[in-house]
Amino acid sequence: MGFGETFKALADPARRKILELLKSGKLSAGEIAGHFDMTQATVSYHLKILKKADLIREEREKNFIFYELNLTVLEEIMVWLTELKGDV
């Protein structure tokens, strides 16, 4: 995992909101899109960036794709930030 991709993904407010939504559990792209005033294509673009940064993962169930947080990447960032701060 590259932190550059991760921080780039986190820089956008819409993508941060998607991550906030996924805190409660997995959601479909349509459920995520319902929280935004943007096209489905734009939501898909943001999901693609989050997947590329490994911040979310997708799971297929029949005809639907559900997205959920990948907490391991977030934990790695927290460890790195803690080490950088010098609290370890």
PDB file of N, CA and C in Angstrom:
ATOM      1  N   MET A   1       0.845  -1.181   0.000  1.00  0.00           N
ATOM      2  CA  MET A   1       0.000   0.000   0.000  1.00  0.00           C
ATOM      3  C   MET A   1       0.881   1.232   0.000  1.00  0.00           C
ATOM      4  N   GLY A   2       0.529   2.177  -0.828  1.00  0.00           N
ATOM      5  CA  GLY A   2       1.253   3.437  -0.827  1.00  0.00           C
ATOM      6  C   GLY A   2       0.447   4.515  -0.130  1.00  0.00           C
ATOM      7  N   PHE A   3       1.102   5.204   0.792  1.00  0.00           N
ATOM      8  CA  PHE A   3       0.397   6.260   1.517  1.00  0.00           C
ATOM      9  C   PHE A   3      -0.019   7.382   0.582  1.00  0.00           C
ATOM     10  N   GLY A   4       0.721   7.596  -0.511  1.00  0.00           N
ATOM     11  CA  GLY A   4       0.374   8.640  -1.463  1.00  0.00           C
ATOM     12  C   GLY A   4      -1.024   8.448  -2.025  1.00  0.00           C
ATOM     13  N   GLU A   5      -1.323   7.226  -2.454  1.00  0.00           N
ATOM     14  CA  GLU A   5      -2.662   6.907  -2.974  1.00  0.00           C
ATOM     15  C   GLU A   5      -3.717   7.095  -1.890  1.00  0.00           C
ATOM     16  N   THR A   6      -3.375   6.680  -0.690  1.00  0.00           N
ATOM     17  CA  THR A   6      -4.328   6.770   0.419  1.00  0.00           C
ATOM     18  C   THR A   6      -4.657   8.214   0.742  1.00  0.00           C
ATOM     19  N   PHE A   7      -3.638   9.044   0.892  1.00  0.00           N
ATOM     20  CA  PHE A   7      -3.883  10.440   1.239  1.00  0.00           C
ATOM     21  C   PHE A   7      -4.565  11.192   0.098  1.00  0.00           C
ATOM     22  N   LYS A   8      -4.253  10.828  -1.140  1.00  0.00           N
ATOM     23  CA  LYS A   8      -4.932  11.433  -2.286  1.00  0.00           C
ATOM     24  C   LYS A   8      -6.425  11.104  -2.231  1.00  0.00           C
ATOM     25  N   ALA A   9      -6.740   9.863  -1.922  1.00  0.00           N
ATOM     26  CA  ALA A   9      -8.144   9.457  -1.827  1.00  0.00           C
ATOM     27  C   ALA A   9      -8.856  10.174  -0.686  1.00  0.00           C
ATOM     28  N   LEU A  10      -8.152  10.353   0.420  1.00  0.00           N
ATOM     29  CA  LEU A  10      -8.752  11.007   1.586  1.00  0.00           C
ATOM     30  C   LEU A  10      -8.898  12.520   1.413  1.00  0.00           C
ATOM     31  N   ALA A  11      -8.228  13.087   0.435  1.00  0.00           N
ATOM     32  CA  ALA A  11      -8.245  14.539   0.249  1.00  0.00           C
ATOM     33  C   ALA A  11      -9.608  15.060  -0.215  1.00  0.00           C
ATOM     34  N   ASP A  12     -10.412  14.211  -0.824  1.00  0.00           N
ATOM     35  CA  ASP A  12     -11.690  14.663  -1.370  1.00  0.00           C
ATOM     36  C   ASP A  12     -12.815  14.520  -0.340  1.00  0.00           C
ATOM     37  N   PRO A  13     -13.597  15.578  -0.106  1.00  0.00           N
ATOM     38  CA  PRO A  13     -14.669  15.514   0.893  1.00  0.00           C
ATOM     39  C   PRO A  13     -15.743  14.474   0.578  1.00  0.00           C
ATOM     40  N   ALA A  14     -16.053  14.256  -0.690  1.00  0.00           N
ATOM     41  CA  ALA A  14     -17.062  13.249  -1.044  1.00  0.00           C
ATOM     42  C   ALA A  14     -16.575  11.855  -0.667  1.00  0.00           C
ATOM     43  N   ARG A  15     -15.302  11.591  -0.899  1.00  0.00           N
ATOM     44  CA  ARG A  15     -14.768  10.269  -0.556  1.00  0.00           C
ATOM     45  C   ARG A  15     -14.710  10.086   0.959  1.00  0.00           C
ATOM     46  N   ARG A  16     -14.409  11.144   1.679  1.00  0.00           N
ATOM     47  CA  ARG A  16     -14.431  11.041   3.147  1.00  0.00           C
ATOM     48  C   ARG A  16     -15.845  10.769   3.644  1.00  0.00           C
ATOM     49  N   LYS A  17     -16.835  11.380   2.991  1.00  0.00           N
ATOM     50  CA  LYS A  17     -18.222  11.125   3.387  1.00  0.00           C
ATOM     51  C   LYS A  17     -18.608   9.672   3.092  1.00  0.00           C
ATOM     52  N   ILE A  18     -18.150   9.141   1.975  1.00  0.00           N
ATOM     53  CA  ILE A  18     -18.419   7.732   1.655  1.00  0.00           C
ATOM     54  C   ILE A  18     -17.853   6.840   2.757  1.00  0.00           C
ATOM     55  N   LEU A  19     -16.632   7.130   3.192  1.00  0.00           N
ATOM     56  CA  LEU A  19     -16.028   6.340   4.270  1.00  0.00           C
ATOM     57  C   LEU A  19     -16.858   6.451   5.549  1.00  0.00           C
ATOM     58  N   GLU A  20     -17.344   7.659   5.847  1.00  0.00           N
ATOM     59  CA  GLU A  20     -18.205   7.854   7.019  1.00  0.00           C
ATOM     60  C   GLU A  20     -19.471   7.004   6.913  1.00  0.00           C
ATOM     61  N   LEU A  21     -20.069   6.972   5.727  1.00  0.00           N
ATOM     62  CA  LEU A  21     -21.274   6.174   5.520  1.00  0.00           C
ATOM     63  C   LEU A  21     -21.000   4.684   5.745  1.00  0.00           C
ATOM     64  N   LEU A  22     -19.826   4.240   5.313  1.00  0.00           N
ATOM     65  CA  LEU A  22     -19.494   2.818   5.420  1.00  0.00           C
ATOM     66  C   LEU A  22     -19.102   2.407   6.837  1.00  0.00           C
ATOM     67  N   LYS A  23     -18.942   3.382   7.723  1.00  0.00           N
ATOM     68  CA  LYS A  23     -18.667   3.056   9.135  1.00  0.00           C
ATOM     69  C   LYS A  23     -19.765   2.185   9.718  1.00  0.00           C
ATOM     70  N   SER A  24     -20.991   2.390   9.263  1.00  0.00           N
ATOM     71  CA  SER A  24     -22.143   1.670   9.799  1.00  0.00           C
ATOM     72  C   SER A  24     -22.287   0.269   9.225  1.00  0.00           C
ATOM     73  N   GLY A  25     -21.544  -0.026   8.182  1.00  0.00           N
ATOM     74  CA  GLY A  25     -21.641  -1.346   7.567  1.00  0.00           C
ATOM     75  C   GLY A  25     -21.645  -1.242   6.052  1.00  0.00           C
ATOM     76  N   LYS A  26     -21.735  -2.386   5.402  1.00  0.00           N
ATOM     77  CA  LYS A  26     -21.625  -2.392   3.947  1.00  0.00           C
ATOM     78  C   LYS A  26     -22.874  -1.815   3.296  1.00  0.00           C
ATOM     79  N   LEU A  27     -22.645  -1.151   2.159  1.00  0.00           N
ATOM     80  CA  LEU A  27     -23.710  -0.517   1.385  1.00  0.00           C
ATOM     81  C   LEU A  27     -23.485  -0.770  -0.100  1.00  0.00           C
ATOM     82  N   SER A  28     -24.573  -0.765  -0.848  1.00  0.00           N
ATOM     83  CA  SER A  28     -24.451  -0.861  -2.308  1.00  0.00           C
ATOM     84  C   SER A  28     -24.133   0.514  -2.872  1.00  0.00           C
ATOM     85  N   ALA A  29     -23.707   0.540  -4.119  1.00  0.00           N
ATOM     86  CA  ALA A  29     -23.406   1.815  -4.770  1.00  0.00           C
ATOM     87  C   ALA A  29     -24.650   2.696  -4.826  1.00  0.00           C
ATOM     88  N   GLY A  30     -25.803   2.094  -5.059  1.00  0.00           N
ATOM     89  CA  GLY A  30     -27.044   2.851  -5.102  1.00  0.00           C
ATOM     90  C   GLY A  30     -27.381   3.472  -3.754  1.00  0.00           C
ATOM     91  N   GLU A  31     -27.156   2.725  -2.683  1.00  0.00           N
ATOM     92  CA  GLU A  31     -27.399   3.265  -1.340  1.00  0.00           C
ATOM     93  C   GLU A  31     -26.451   4.420  -1.040  1.00  0.00           C
ATOM     94  N   ILE A  32     -25.215   4.277  -1.461  1.00  0.00           N
ATOM     95  CA  ILE A  32     -24.233   5.349  -1.263  1.00  0.00           C
ATOM     96  C   ILE A  32     -24.642   6.570  -2.081  1.00  0.00           C
ATOM     97  N   ALA A  33     -25.012   6.357  -3.335  1.00  0.00           N
ATOM     98  CA  ALA A  33     -25.385   7.458  -4.224  1.00  0.00           C
ATOM     99  C   ALA A  33     -26.583   8.233  -3.686  1.00  0.00           C
ATOM    100  N   GLY A  34     -27.471   7.570  -2.955  1.00  0.00           N
ATOM    101  CA  GLY A  34     -28.640   8.227  -2.390  1.00  0.00           C
ATOM    102  C   GLY A  34     -28.312   9.328  -1.403  1.00  0.00           C
ATOM    103  N   HIS A  35     -27.095   9.365  -0.918  1.00  0.00           N
ATOM    104  CA  HIS A  35     -26.668  10.382   0.048  1.00  0.00           C
ATOM    105  C   HIS A  35     -26.013  11.591  -0.621  1.00  0.00           C
ATOM    106  N   PHE A  36     -25.923  11.562  -1.947  1.00  0.00           N
ATOM    107  CA  PHE A  36     -25.206  12.616  -2.667  1.00  0.00           C
ATOM    108  C   PHE A  36     -26.070  13.214  -3.764  1.00  0.00           C
ATOM    109  N   ASP A  37     -25.758  14.436  -4.130  1.00  0.00           N
ATOM    110  CA  ASP A  37     -26.384  15.096  -5.266  1.00  0.00           C
ATOM    111  C   ASP A  37     -25.386  15.068  -6.427  1.00  0.00           C
ATOM    112  N   MET A  38     -25.120  13.844  -6.909  1.00  0.00           N
ATOM    113  CA  MET A  38     -24.204  13.656  -8.035  1.00  0.00           C
ATOM    114  C   MET A  38     -24.650  12.435  -8.816  1.00  0.00           C
ATOM    115  N   THR A  39     -24.139  12.309 -10.021  1.00  0.00           N
ATOM    116  CA  THR A  39     -24.550  11.188 -10.869  1.00  0.00           C
ATOM    117  C   THR A  39     -23.988   9.872 -10.325  1.00  0.00           C
ATOM    118  N   GLN A  40     -24.606   8.789 -10.747  1.00  0.00           N
ATOM    119  CA  GLN A  40     -24.125   7.453 -10.374  1.00  0.00           C
ATOM    120  C   GLN A  40     -22.700   7.253 -10.891  1.00  0.00           C
ATOM    121  N   ALA A  41     -22.408   7.786 -12.069  1.00  0.00           N
ATOM    122  CA  ALA A  41     -21.057   7.659 -12.637  1.00  0.00           C
ATOM    123  C   ALA A  41     -20.020   8.344 -11.756  1.00  0.00           C
ATOM    124  N   THR A  42     -20.363   9.484 -11.190  1.00  0.00           N
ATOM    125  CA  THR A  42     -19.434  10.197 -10.318  1.00  0.00           C
ATOM    126  C   THR A  42     -19.214   9.429  -9.028  1.00  0.00           C
ATOM    127  N   VAL A  43     -20.272   8.859  -8.478  1.00  0.00           N
ATOM    128  CA  VAL A  43     -20.131   8.031  -7.273  1.00  0.00           C
ATOM    129  C   VAL A  43     -19.251   6.831  -7.582  1.00  0.00           C
ATOM    130  N   SER A  44     -19.455   6.209  -8.736  1.00  0.00           N
ATOM    131  CA  SER A  44     -18.627   5.058  -9.134  1.00  0.00           C
ATOM    132  C   SER A  44     -17.160   5.454  -9.255  1.00  0.00           C
ATOM    133  N   TYR A  45     -16.903   6.644  -9.771  1.00  0.00           N
ATOM    134  CA  TYR A  45     -15.535   7.143  -9.874  1.00  0.00           C
ATOM    135  C   TYR A  45     -14.901   7.250  -8.486  1.00  0.00           C
ATOM    136  N   HIS A  46     -15.634   7.828  -7.533  1.00  0.00           N
ATOM    137  CA  HIS A  46     -15.110   7.966  -6.174  1.00  0.00           C
ATOM    138  C   HIS A  46     -14.873   6.588  -5.532  1.00  0.00           C
ATOM    139  N   LEU A  47     -15.779   5.654  -5.771  1.00  0.00           N
ATOM    140  CA  LEU A  47     -15.595   4.295  -5.244  1.00  0.00           C
ATOM    141  C   LEU A  47     -14.350   3.651  -5.846  1.00  0.00           C
ATOM    142  N   LYS A  48     -14.118   3.885  -7.124  1.00  0.00           N
ATOM    143  CA  LYS A  48     -12.930   3.335  -7.797  1.00  0.00           C
ATOM    144  C   LYS A  48     -11.648   3.872  -7.155  1.00  0.00           C
ATOM    145  N   ILE A  49     -11.614   5.171  -6.864  1.00  0.00           N
ATOM    146  CA  ILE A  49     -10.439   5.780  -6.232  1.00  0.00           C
ATOM    147  C   ILE A  49     -10.220   5.192  -4.836  1.00  0.00           C
ATOM    148  N   LEU A  50     -11.302   5.022  -4.087  1.00  0.00           N
ATOM    149  CA  LEU A  50     -11.192   4.444  -2.735  1.00  0.00           C
ATOM    150  C   LEU A  50     -10.718   2.997  -2.782  1.00  0.00           C
ATOM    151  N   LYS A  51     -11.198   2.241  -3.784  1.00  0.00           N
ATOM    152  CA  LYS A  51     -10.740   0.848  -3.933  1.00  0.00           C
ATOM    153  C   LYS A  51      -9.268   0.808  -4.315  1.00  0.00           C
ATOM    154  N   LYS A  52      -8.862   1.691  -5.221  1.00  0.00           N
ATOM    155  CA  LYS A  52      -7.455   1.735  -5.658  1.00  0.00           C
ATOM    156  C   LYS A  52      -6.538   2.040  -4.477  1.00  0.00           C
ATOM    157  N   ALA A  53      -7.004   2.876  -3.560  1.00  0.00           N
ATOM    158  CA  ALA A  53      -6.229   3.216  -2.365  1.00  0.00           C
ATOM    159  C   ALA A  53      -6.368   2.137  -1.290  1.00  0.00           C
ATOM    160  N   ASP A  54      -7.159   1.117  -1.560  1.00  0.00           N
ATOM    161  CA  ASP A  54      -7.376  -0.013  -0.650  1.00  0.00           C
ATOM    162  C   ASP A  54      -8.089   0.409   0.647  1.00  0.00           C
ATOM    163  N   LEU A  55      -8.837   1.505   0.576  1.00  0.00           N
ATOM    164  CA  LEU A  55      -9.589   1.957   1.749  1.00  0.00           C
ATOM    165  C   LEU A  55     -10.933   1.260   1.874  1.00  0.00           C
ATOM    166  N   ILE A  56     -11.437   0.736   0.752  1.00  0.00           N
ATOM    167  CA  ILE A  56     -12.675  -0.034   0.774  1.00  0.00           C
ATOM    168  C   ILE A  56     -12.468  -1.303  -0.042  1.00  0.00           C
ATOM    169  N   ARG A  57     -13.346  -2.240   0.171  1.00  0.00           N
ATOM    170  CA  ARG A  57     -13.344  -3.451  -0.656  1.00  0.00           C
ATOM    171  C   ARG A  57     -14.778  -3.735  -1.070  1.00  0.00           C
ATOM    172  N   GLU A  58     -14.908  -4.501  -2.132  1.00  0.00           N
ATOM    173  CA  GLU A  58     -16.240  -4.810  -2.631  1.00  0.00           C
ATOM    174  C   GLU A  58     -16.520  -6.294  -2.491  1.00  0.00           C
ATOM    175  N   GLU A  59     -17.799  -6.579  -2.340  1.00  0.00           N
ATOM    176  CA  GLU A  59     -18.258  -7.961  -2.202  1.00  0.00           C
ATOM    177  C   GLU A  59     -19.489  -8.114  -3.078  1.00  0.00           C
ATOM    178  N   ARG A  60     -19.454  -9.088  -3.956  1.00  0.00           N
ATOM    179  CA  ARG A  60     -20.596  -9.324  -4.852  1.00  0.00           C
ATOM    180  C   ARG A  60     -21.564 -10.308  -4.215  1.00  0.00           C
ATOM    181  N   GLU A  61     -22.839  -9.925  -4.261  1.00  0.00           N
ATOM    182  CA  GLU A  61     -23.920 -10.794  -3.795  1.00  0.00           C
ATOM    183  C   GLU A  61     -25.011 -10.769  -4.848  1.00  0.00           C
ATOM    184  N   LYS A  62     -25.121 -11.870  -5.584  1.00  0.00           N
ATOM    185  CA  LYS A  62     -26.056 -11.984  -6.704  1.00  0.00           C
ATOM    186  C   LYS A  62     -25.826 -10.846  -7.688  1.00  0.00           C
ATOM    187  N   ASN A  63     -26.800  -9.976  -7.890  1.00  0.00           N
ATOM    188  CA  ASN A  63     -26.675  -8.885  -8.870  1.00  0.00           C
ATOM    189  C   ASN A  63     -26.185  -7.588  -8.261  1.00  0.00           C
ATOM    190  N   PHE A  64     -25.769  -7.604  -7.016  1.00  0.00           N
ATOM    191  CA  PHE A  64     -25.377  -6.381  -6.332  1.00  0.00           C
ATOM    192  C   PHE A  64     -23.915  -6.424  -5.912  1.00  0.00           C
ATOM    193  N   ILE A  65     -23.318  -5.246  -5.838  1.00  0.00           N
ATOM    194  CA  ILE A  65     -21.973  -5.107  -5.295  1.00  0.00           C
ATOM    195  C   ILE A  65     -22.105  -4.254  -4.036  1.00  0.00           C
ATOM    196  N   PHE A  66     -21.587  -4.756  -2.943  1.00  0.00           N
ATOM    197  CA  PHE A  66     -21.602  -4.027  -1.685  1.00  0.00           C
ATOM    198  C   PHE A  66     -20.183  -3.594  -1.343  1.00  0.00           C
ATOM    199  N   TYR A  67     -20.086  -2.435  -0.747  1.00  0.00           N
ATOM    200  CA  TYR A  67     -18.798  -1.862  -0.377  1.00  0.00           C
ATOM    201  C   TYR A  67     -18.698  -1.789   1.130  1.00  0.00           C
ATOM    202  N   GLU A  68     -17.478  -2.026   1.644  1.00  0.00           N
ATOM    203  CA  GLU A  68     -17.240  -1.927   3.077  1.00  0.00           C
ATOM    204  C   GLU A  68     -15.842  -1.385   3.321  1.00  0.00           C
ATOM    205  N   LEU A  69     -15.639  -0.850   4.516  1.00  0.00           N
ATOM    206  CA  LEU A  69     -14.338  -0.306   4.882  1.00  0.00           C
ATOM    207  C   LEU A  69     -13.293  -1.400   4.957  1.00  0.00           C
ATOM    208  N   ASN A  70     -12.075  -1.061   4.573  1.00  0.00           N
ATOM    209  CA  ASN A  70     -10.929  -1.933   4.791  1.00  0.00           C
ATOM    210  C   ASN A  70     -10.153  -1.319   5.956  1.00  0.00           C
ATOM    211  N   LEU A  71     -10.429  -1.795   7.144  1.00  0.00           N
ATOM    212  CA  LEU A  71      -9.861  -1.190   8.351  1.00  0.00           C
ATOM    213  C   LEU A  71      -8.367  -1.415   8.490  1.00  0.00           C
ATOM    214  N   THR A  72      -7.811  -2.422   7.832  1.00  0.00           N
ATOM    215  CA  THR A  72      -6.375  -2.676   7.979  1.00  0.00           C
ATOM    216  C   THR A  72      -5.551  -1.506   7.447  1.00  0.00           C
ATOM    217  N   VAL A  73      -5.992  -0.903   6.359  1.00  0.00           N
ATOM    218  CA  VAL A  73      -5.262   0.242   5.800  1.00  0.00           C
ATOM    219  C   VAL A  73      -5.341   1.424   6.757  1.00  0.00           C
ATOM    220  N   LEU A  74      -6.519   1.654   7.309  1.00  0.00           N
ATOM    221  CA  LEU A  74      -6.673   2.750   8.262  1.00  0.00           C
ATOM    222  C   LEU A  74      -5.818   2.515   9.505  1.00  0.00           C
ATOM    223  N   GLU A  75      -5.730   1.272   9.942  1.00  0.00           N
ATOM    224  CA  GLU A  75      -4.887   0.953  11.100  1.00  0.00           C
ATOM    225  C   GLU A  75      -3.411   1.197  10.795  1.00  0.00           C
ATOM    226  N   GLU A  76      -2.975   0.857   9.577  1.00  0.00           N
ATOM    227  CA  GLU A  76      -1.582   1.097   9.186  1.00  0.00           C
ATOM    228  C   GLU A  76      -1.269   2.591   9.190  1.00  0.00           C
ATOM    229  N   ILE A  77      -2.213   3.391   8.720  1.00  0.00           N
ATOM    230  CA  ILE A  77      -2.015   4.851   8.727  1.00  0.00           C
ATOM    231  C   ILE A  77      -1.924   5.361  10.160  1.00  0.00           C
ATOM    232  N   MET A  78      -2.776   4.857  11.031  1.00  0.00           N
ATOM    233  CA  MET A  78      -2.761   5.305  12.428  1.00  0.00           C
ATOM    234  C   MET A  78      -1.446   4.937  13.106  1.00  0.00           C
ATOM    235  N   VAL A  79      -0.940   3.750  12.831  1.00  0.00           N
ATOM    236  CA  VAL A  79       0.340   3.332  13.402  1.00  0.00           C
ATOM    237  C   VAL A  79       1.452   4.242  12.888  1.00  0.00           C
ATOM    238  N   TRP A  80       1.458   4.506  11.596  1.00  0.00           N
ATOM    239  CA  TRP A  80       2.481   5.370  11.007  1.00  0.00           C
ATOM    240  C   TRP A  80       2.425   6.766  11.619  1.00  0.00           C
ATOM    241  N   LEU A  81       1.224   7.324  11.756  1.00  0.00           N
ATOM    242  CA  LEU A  81       1.082   8.666  12.334  1.00  0.00           C
ATOM    243  C   LEU A  81       1.541   8.685  13.793  1.00  0.00           C
ATOM    244  N   THR A  82       1.213   7.634  14.539  1.00  0.00           N
ATOM    245  CA  THR A  82       1.635   7.547  15.929  1.00  0.00           C
ATOM    246  C   THR A  82       3.158   7.487  16.035  1.00  0.00           C
ATOM    247  N   GLU A  83       3.784   6.682  15.167  1.00  0.00           N
ATOM    248  CA  GLU A  83       5.246   6.592  15.149  1.00  0.00           C
ATOM    249  C   GLU A  83       5.875   7.924  14.758  1.00  0.00           C
ATOM    250  N   LEU A  84       5.250   8.587  13.792  1.00  0.00           N
ATOM    251  CA  LEU A  84       5.760   9.878  13.341  1.00  0.00           C
ATOM    252  C   LEU A  84       5.705  10.904  14.465  1.00  0.00           C
ATOM    253  N   LYS A  85       4.644  10.836  15.228  1.00  0.00           N
ATOM    254  CA  LYS A  85       4.475  11.767  16.345  1.00  0.00           C
ATOM    255  C   LYS A  85       5.465  11.466  17.463  1.00  0.00           C
ATOM    256  N   GLY A  86       5.842  10.203  17.599  1.00  0.00           N
ATOM    257  CA  GLY A  86       6.829   9.834  18.608  1.00  0.00           C
ATOM    258  C   GLY A  86       6.229   9.315  19.890  1.00  0.00           C
ATOM    259  N   ASP A  87       4.981   8.869  19.876  1.00  0.00           N
ATOM    260  CA  ASP A  87       4.333   8.370  21.090  1.00  0.00           C
ATOM    261  C   ASP A  87       4.617   6.886  21.347  1.00  0.00           C
ATOM    262  N   VAL A  88       5.389   6.250  20.497  1.00  0.00           N
ATOM    263  CA  VAL A  88       5.626   4.813  20.654  1.00  0.00           C
ATOM    264  C   VAL A  88       6.851   4.557  21.492  1.00  0.00           C
TER     265      VAL A  88
END
